[in-house]
Every structure is written in structure tokens, then in C-alpha cells.
Amino acid sequence: MSENQKISEPEILIELLEKEQPVVAMLAPSFPIVYQYPNIAGKLKRLGFAYVVEVSAGAKNTNSAAVEILTKDPKARIITSPCASFVRMIRTKHPHLIKYLGFAANSPMVATARIVKEKYPGHRAIFIGPCNAKKLEANEDYPELEIVSVTYKQMKDVFAHFQIKDEPSDKNAKFDIEETNTRLYPISGGLAQSSLVKDLLADDEVEVVSGWQNCEEALKRFETNDRIRLLDILFCDGGCINGPGIESPLNTDQRREKIIDFWKKGAELPFFSAIKKMLSGLHKSKI
């Protein structure tokens, strides 16, 4: 390989696994669309991962930081920053809005990588998710965390490389770190819903938008309407459930149901009741 040829993320992962380097799998909350739990945890551990954690754990920290920002300053306004594609759109086309991006609230991927770094020192964090842009966030924005970002599609090739297939024993595995209440993150409005920010802000202070075609108009509304304090926005239609790194025959509604069903299995009862109301009609969402 020449100096000008960069090794791809899947190739980096394969090399780490072949050398039996300590690695931790961080599964994005959209994973139920592609994988079954707990089977996927067992399959990843057989592949060579020392630990398997939910990125939903980092999402909890993201929520806490966002709520703290909005609580401390009654005039604070935030454009959510978990979506790497949207952040890059802001940087290139609307740099004057960068100041509103909620970077103080690390994206769930970054927040989870920090948890991994603290809990499993010496282990490399491997993000497995639906988004191609996450590798840019990892490599350009947070190189010190040394996150390797691969998509679900790419993981198919990694499993094939090591000839790892499904095994009945996989069902006995479990997450080493989990967080049930933030499993809604990949659907449009996931941050606003799982953080219960509606208890903090009025209806007209929160706007939820998904889909690249809706982003420009949403930003115009944010600029001209000071009442909007939280713009919860995702670049892909319906949220991360339609990320380009997902290979699935399911339509958007079916993917959304997969996420909600997995969340229902573990969500705490009082939290479940509160979120259920929001899911039935959360503000004026564009999905």
C-alpha cells in the first residue's frame, strides 16, 4: 500500500482483531433494525470484542448536558449536534450558526467513547452504526479518542472475513454497559423525547425536524424565531433509522417500530408513561 492510500475503517478493525488488540464494541441505538439482542452481543464477543456496550449509555450523558445548558440560562438556544452530517452542513453553509451547536453536550458516540476510555483503559473504542459521517466526526473532531467508526453494512464484511456466523449460544450474552431509557435516540425527536425536555420547555420552544430537504427551512425558522430554544434535527429522513449504513428491507415505519419495541422492553415504568404520551404526538415534528 502506498503512502497516499489510506487504510479503511473496516481494515483497521480487522487488523486490530487479527492482532488480538483489546477492543470494545459500541453499538448505536439503531442496531435493532439490523441485529437481534442479545444475540449480537454474543456474536461480537466471539469475533474478538472484549466488551459490548450500548451507545444509549452515552446518549444519557448527552441529554443531561443539554438539559443543564437550557436550565442554567433561560435565554440559551441549542441546535443539537449528535448528527455528524448536519454539523458539517452548518460548518460549510451556515458558519454563523456554529455558536448554537450544542458541543458542550457530546454526541452519544463521543460520550460513550469517553465512558469506554475511563472504564476500560487500554481498549480501543469501535463505533458500529448507521452513519458514514461518523468517521469524520471521530477522525477530524475527536482524534484523541481514537474511535474507529464502521457501519452495519461494513460489519457484514468483517464477520465474513473471520467466518463468524450466528450461533445458538449467542443468546446468552448481554451488554456490558446498557441504558434503556435513551434507546429512542435514532428516531426523529429522540433527544427531545428521551430527555423529557418537554417538561422544561413550552411546545413552541422545541422544534423537531428530520430529512436533509427540511434542514434549510428549519434553520431559517430558528434564525427568525427566538422562541425556538431547542432545534432537535437529524439529516436522514425519520432519523438515524434511515442512515446509509443500514441494509434492511424494512420501511421507515417498521424501522421505527423496531426501535420503540426494543425500548419498551427495558424502559422504566414512570419514564415509559411519560414518553408514551410524547410519542403519540410530539410538537410539530417534520418526519
Protein backbone atom coordinates (compact mmCIF):
# COMPACT_ATOMS: atom_id res chain seq x y z
CA MET A 1 0.00 0.00 0.00
CA SER A 2 1.39 3.43 -0.98
CA GLU A 3 1.66 6.34 1.45
CA ASN A 4 -1.22 8.07 -0.36
CA GLN A 5 -3.59 5.17 0.20
CA LYS A 6 -5.42 5.33 3.50
CA ILE A 7 -6.46 2.17 5.24
CA SER A 8 -10.24 1.97 5.64
CA GLU A 9 -12.04 1.68 8.97
CA PRO A 10 -13.06 -1.96 8.38
CA GLU A 11 -9.44 -2.77 7.52
CA ILE A 12 -8.30 -1.08 10.74
CA LEU A 13 -10.80 -3.15 12.71
CA ILE A 14 -9.76 -6.39 11.01
CA GLU A 15 -6.12 -5.64 11.78
CA LEU A 16 -6.92 -4.92 15.44
CA LEU A 17 -8.85 -8.19 15.73
CA GLU A 18 -6.18 -10.23 13.95
CA LYS A 19 -3.56 -8.86 16.33
CA GLU A 20 -5.92 -9.58 19.25
CA GLN A 21 -5.80 -5.98 20.40
CA PRO A 22 -8.28 -5.09 23.19
CA VAL A 23 -11.37 -3.57 21.59
CA VAL A 24 -14.82 -2.52 22.79
CA ALA A 25 -17.88 -2.55 20.51
CA MET A 26 -20.15 0.48 20.87
CA LEU A 27 -23.50 -0.36 19.26
CA ALA A 28 -25.53 2.61 18.04
CA PRO A 29 -29.16 2.63 19.23
CA SER A 30 -30.42 1.92 15.70
CA PHE A 31 -28.96 -1.60 15.88
CA PRO A 32 -32.31 -3.43 16.46
CA ILE A 33 -33.16 -2.72 12.81
CA VAL A 34 -30.25 -4.92 11.75
CA TYR A 35 -29.44 -7.20 14.68
CA GLN A 36 -31.24 -9.18 17.36
CA TYR A 37 -30.40 -8.70 21.01
CA PRO A 38 -28.84 -10.34 22.98
CA ASN A 39 -27.53 -12.46 20.08
CA ILE A 40 -25.47 -9.64 18.57
CA ALA A 41 -23.57 -9.15 21.83
CA GLY A 42 -22.54 -12.80 21.81
CA LYS A 43 -21.59 -12.70 18.14
CA LEU A 44 -19.39 -9.63 18.64
CA LYS A 45 -17.64 -11.22 21.60
CA ARG A 46 -16.92 -14.33 19.56
CA LEU A 47 -15.48 -12.04 16.91
CA GLY A 48 -12.97 -10.78 19.45
CA PHE A 49 -14.51 -7.83 21.28
CA ALA A 50 -13.73 -7.81 25.00
CA TYR A 51 -16.85 -5.79 25.81
CA VAL A 52 -20.05 -4.73 24.04
CA VAL A 53 -21.78 -1.54 25.17
CA GLU A 54 -24.82 0.49 24.15
CA VAL A 55 -24.25 3.96 22.76
CA SER A 56 -27.51 4.73 24.52
CA ALA A 57 -25.35 4.98 27.65
CA GLY A 58 -23.55 7.97 26.18
CA ALA A 59 -26.87 9.41 25.00
CA LYS A 60 -27.91 9.71 28.63
CA ASN A 61 -24.92 11.98 29.24
CA THR A 62 -25.77 13.95 26.09
CA ASN A 63 -29.28 14.54 27.41
CA SER A 64 -28.06 15.60 30.85
CA ALA A 65 -25.67 18.14 29.36
CA ALA A 66 -28.31 19.57 27.00
CA VAL A 67 -30.87 19.93 29.80
CA GLU A 68 -28.25 21.59 32.02
CA ILE A 69 -27.48 24.17 29.33
CA LEU A 70 -31.15 25.03 28.88
CA THR A 71 -31.78 25.13 32.63
CA LYS A 72 -28.84 27.29 33.64
CA ASP A 73 -29.56 30.01 31.11
CA PRO A 74 -33.21 30.83 30.34
CA LYS A 75 -32.05 32.53 27.13
CA ALA A 76 -29.88 29.66 25.93
CA ARG A 77 -30.68 28.27 22.49
CA ILE A 78 -29.34 24.97 21.15
CA ILE A 79 -29.14 23.25 17.81
CA THR A 80 -28.48 19.61 18.64
CA SER A 81 -25.14 18.23 17.47
CA PRO A 82 -25.35 14.38 17.57
CA CYS A 83 -25.82 14.26 13.78
CA ALA A 84 -22.39 14.46 12.12
CA SER A 85 -23.84 15.13 8.65
CA PHE A 86 -25.87 18.08 9.86
CA VAL A 87 -22.95 19.52 11.84
CA ARG A 88 -20.88 19.52 8.67
CA MET A 89 -23.69 21.24 6.80
CA ILE A 90 -23.68 24.00 9.43
CA ARG A 91 -19.91 24.39 9.23
CA THR A 92 -19.81 24.67 5.45
CA LYS A 93 -23.04 26.54 4.64
CA HIS A 94 -24.03 28.35 7.86
CA PRO A 95 -20.89 29.04 9.90
CA HIS A 96 -22.62 31.92 11.70
CA LEU A 97 -24.83 29.32 13.43
CA ILE A 98 -21.94 27.26 14.80
CA LYS A 99 -22.25 29.09 18.13
CA TYR A 100 -25.65 27.44 18.66
CA LEU A 101 -24.41 23.88 18.16
CA GLY A 102 -24.57 22.08 21.48
CA PHE A 103 -20.99 20.81 21.53
CA ALA A 104 -20.95 21.03 25.33
CA ALA A 105 -23.32 18.07 25.09
CA ASN A 106 -21.07 15.49 23.44
CA SER A 107 -22.71 13.33 20.80
CA PRO A 108 -23.73 9.89 22.10
CA MET A 109 -20.85 8.29 20.20
CA VAL A 110 -18.29 10.62 21.76
CA ALA A 111 -19.86 10.44 25.21
CA THR A 112 -19.81 6.63 25.05
CA ALA A 113 -16.18 6.61 23.89
CA ARG A 114 -15.30 8.70 26.94
CA ILE A 115 -17.09 6.18 29.16
CA VAL A 116 -15.18 3.35 27.49
CA LYS A 117 -11.87 5.18 27.88
CA GLU A 118 -12.49 5.58 31.61
CA LYS A 119 -13.98 2.15 32.33
CA TYR A 120 -11.79 0.07 30.02
CA PRO A 121 -8.37 1.78 29.83
CA GLY A 122 -6.16 0.48 27.06
CA HIS A 123 -9.11 -0.65 24.94
CA ARG A 124 -9.92 0.83 21.52
CA ALA A 125 -13.48 2.07 21.04
CA ILE A 126 -15.19 0.75 17.89
CA PHE A 127 -18.42 2.53 16.94
CA ILE A 128 -20.84 0.37 14.95
CA GLY A 129 -23.72 2.31 13.48
CA PRO A 130 -25.77 3.58 10.52
CA CYS A 131 -23.79 6.67 9.54
CA ASN A 132 -20.89 7.21 7.13
CA ALA A 133 -20.24 10.70 8.50
CA LYS A 134 -19.41 9.39 11.97
CA LYS A 135 -15.91 8.51 10.79
CA LEU A 136 -15.37 12.22 10.02
CA GLU A 137 -16.57 13.18 13.49
CA ALA A 138 -14.26 10.57 15.02
CA ASN A 139 -11.17 11.31 12.95
CA GLU A 140 -11.44 15.08 12.48
CA ASP A 141 -13.20 16.31 15.62
CA TYR A 142 -12.05 13.86 18.31
CA PRO A 143 -8.82 12.21 17.11
CA GLU A 144 -7.58 11.92 20.69
CA LEU A 145 -10.28 9.32 21.42
CA GLU A 146 -9.04 7.08 18.58
CA ILE A 147 -12.56 5.93 17.72
CA VAL A 148 -12.89 3.56 14.78
CA SER A 149 -16.27 4.03 13.10
CA VAL A 150 -17.77 1.28 10.94
CA THR A 151 -21.27 0.88 9.55
CA TYR A 152 -23.58 -2.11 9.87
CA LYS A 153 -23.00 -2.81 6.18
CA GLN A 154 -19.25 -2.86 6.71
CA MET A 155 -19.60 -5.18 9.70
CA LYS A 156 -21.07 -7.82 7.38
CA ASP A 157 -17.70 -7.95 5.63
CA VAL A 158 -15.83 -8.09 8.94
CA PHE A 159 -17.94 -11.02 10.16
CA ALA A 160 -17.43 -12.74 6.79
CA HIS A 161 -13.67 -12.18 6.92
CA PHE A 162 -13.45 -14.11 10.18
CA GLN A 163 -16.19 -16.57 9.15
CA ILE A 164 -18.27 -15.67 12.19
CA LYS A 165 -21.85 -16.87 11.83
CA ASP A 166 -24.82 -16.88 14.19
CA GLU A 167 -24.65 -19.43 16.99
CA PRO A 168 -27.42 -20.52 19.42
CA SER A 169 -25.12 -19.75 22.35
CA ASP A 170 -25.07 -16.05 21.39
CA LYS A 171 -28.44 -15.57 23.09
CA ASN A 172 -26.77 -16.00 26.48
CA ALA A 173 -24.72 -12.82 26.11
CA LYS A 174 -25.61 -9.33 27.28
CA PHE A 175 -24.40 -5.74 27.15
CA ASP A 176 -21.56 -4.85 29.49
CA ILE A 177 -22.94 -1.31 29.71
CA GLU A 178 -26.56 -0.56 28.88
CA GLU A 179 -29.04 2.28 29.17
CA THR A 180 -32.66 1.57 28.38
CA ASN A 181 -34.36 4.96 28.56
CA THR A 182 -32.38 6.56 25.72
CA ARG A 183 -32.91 3.77 23.20
CA LEU A 184 -35.30 6.08 21.32
CA TYR A 185 -32.43 8.25 20.12
CA PRO A 186 -32.31 7.11 16.48
CA ILE A 187 -35.89 8.13 15.68
CA SER A 188 -36.75 11.70 14.79
CA GLY A 189 -37.11 13.67 18.01
CA GLY A 190 -35.26 11.05 20.00
CA LEU A 191 -33.25 13.56 22.01
CA ALA A 192 -36.24 15.76 22.81
CA GLN A 193 -38.31 12.71 23.75
CA SER A 194 -35.81 10.80 25.85
CA SER A 195 -34.54 13.87 27.72
CA LEU A 196 -38.11 14.84 28.71
CA VAL A 197 -37.21 18.36 27.63
CA LYS A 198 -40.92 18.98 27.06
CA ASP A 199 -41.27 19.20 30.83
CA LEU A 200 -38.76 22.04 30.77
CA LEU A 201 -39.77 23.99 27.66
CA ALA A 202 -43.04 25.12 26.14
CA ASP A 203 -44.32 23.50 22.95
CA ASP A 204 -43.29 26.43 20.77
CA GLU A 205 -39.76 26.40 22.23
CA VAL A 206 -38.97 22.97 20.78
CA GLU A 207 -38.85 22.00 17.12
CA VAL A 208 -38.12 18.53 15.78
CA VAL A 209 -37.01 18.08 12.17
CA SER A 210 -35.59 15.22 10.12
CA GLY A 211 -34.63 14.91 6.46
CA TRP A 212 -32.00 16.86 4.54
CA GLN A 213 -34.71 18.51 2.46
CA ASN A 214 -36.18 20.11 5.60
CA CYS A 215 -32.95 21.37 7.15
CA GLU A 216 -32.65 24.72 5.38
CA GLU A 217 -36.19 25.83 6.22
CA ALA A 218 -35.74 24.70 9.81
CA LEU A 219 -32.61 26.82 10.15
CA LYS A 220 -34.44 29.84 8.72
CA ARG A 221 -37.16 29.41 11.33
CA PHE A 222 -34.57 29.07 14.07
CA GLU A 223 -32.86 32.30 12.97
CA THR A 224 -36.06 34.32 12.73
CA ASN A 225 -37.93 32.91 15.73
CA ASP A 226 -36.18 33.49 19.05
CA ARG A 227 -38.84 31.44 20.80
CA ILE A 228 -37.25 28.23 19.50
CA ARG A 229 -34.74 27.21 22.17
CA LEU A 230 -34.12 23.63 21.07
CA LEU A 231 -33.86 22.52 17.45
CA ASP A 232 -33.64 18.72 17.50
CA ILE A 233 -32.58 17.93 13.98
CA LEU A 234 -31.34 14.87 12.08
CA PHE A 235 -30.16 14.80 8.47
CA CYS A 236 -31.74 11.48 7.43
CA ASP A 237 -35.50 11.10 6.88
CA GLY A 238 -37.12 9.79 10.04
CA GLY A 239 -33.80 9.99 11.88
CA CYS A 240 -30.82 7.65 12.09
CA ILE A 241 -33.11 4.70 11.35
CA ASN A 242 -32.63 5.55 7.66
CA GLY A 243 -28.87 6.05 7.76
CA PRO A 244 -26.95 4.95 4.65
CA GLY A 245 -25.02 2.34 6.63
CA ILE A 246 -28.17 0.28 7.22
CA GLU A 247 -29.11 -2.58 4.92
CA SER A 248 -32.68 -3.63 5.65
CA PRO A 249 -35.90 -4.39 3.72
CA LEU A 250 -37.95 -2.63 6.41
CA ASN A 251 -39.70 0.65 5.62
CA THR A 252 -39.44 3.72 7.87
CA ASP A 253 -42.49 2.86 9.98
CA GLN A 254 -41.29 -0.70 10.52
CA ARG A 255 -37.83 0.51 11.49
CA ARG A 256 -39.32 2.98 13.93
CA GLU A 257 -41.39 0.20 15.50
CA LYS A 258 -38.27 -1.93 15.92
CA ILE A 259 -36.68 0.85 17.96
CA ILE A 260 -39.79 1.51 20.04
CA ASP A 261 -40.32 -2.20 20.73
CA PHE A 262 -36.75 -2.63 21.96
CA TRP A 263 -37.09 0.48 24.13
CA LYS A 264 -40.35 -0.79 25.63
CA LYS A 265 -38.65 -3.97 26.82
CA GLY A 266 -36.40 -2.09 29.19
CA ALA A 267 -37.75 1.41 29.85
CA GLU A 268 -38.59 2.24 33.45
CA LEU A 269 -42.35 2.44 34.05
CA PRO A 270 -42.71 6.17 35.01
CA PHE A 271 -40.41 7.11 32.15
CA PHE A 272 -42.32 4.81 29.79
CA SER A 273 -45.62 6.53 30.64
CA ALA A 274 -44.19 9.99 30.05
CA ILE A 275 -42.58 9.10 26.74
CA LYS A 276 -45.62 7.20 25.51
CA LYS A 277 -47.60 10.46 25.63
CA MET A 278 -44.90 12.24 23.65
CA LEU A 279 -44.72 9.53 21.00
CA SER A 280 -48.42 9.94 20.32
CA GLY A 281 -47.80 13.47 19.05
CA LEU A 282 -44.63 15.31 19.96
CA HIS A 283 -44.97 19.02 18.98
CA LYS A 284 -44.88 19.94 15.30
CA SER A 285 -42.44 17.32 14.05
CA LYS A 286 -41.40 17.02 10.44
CA ILE A 287 -40.71 13.32 9.91
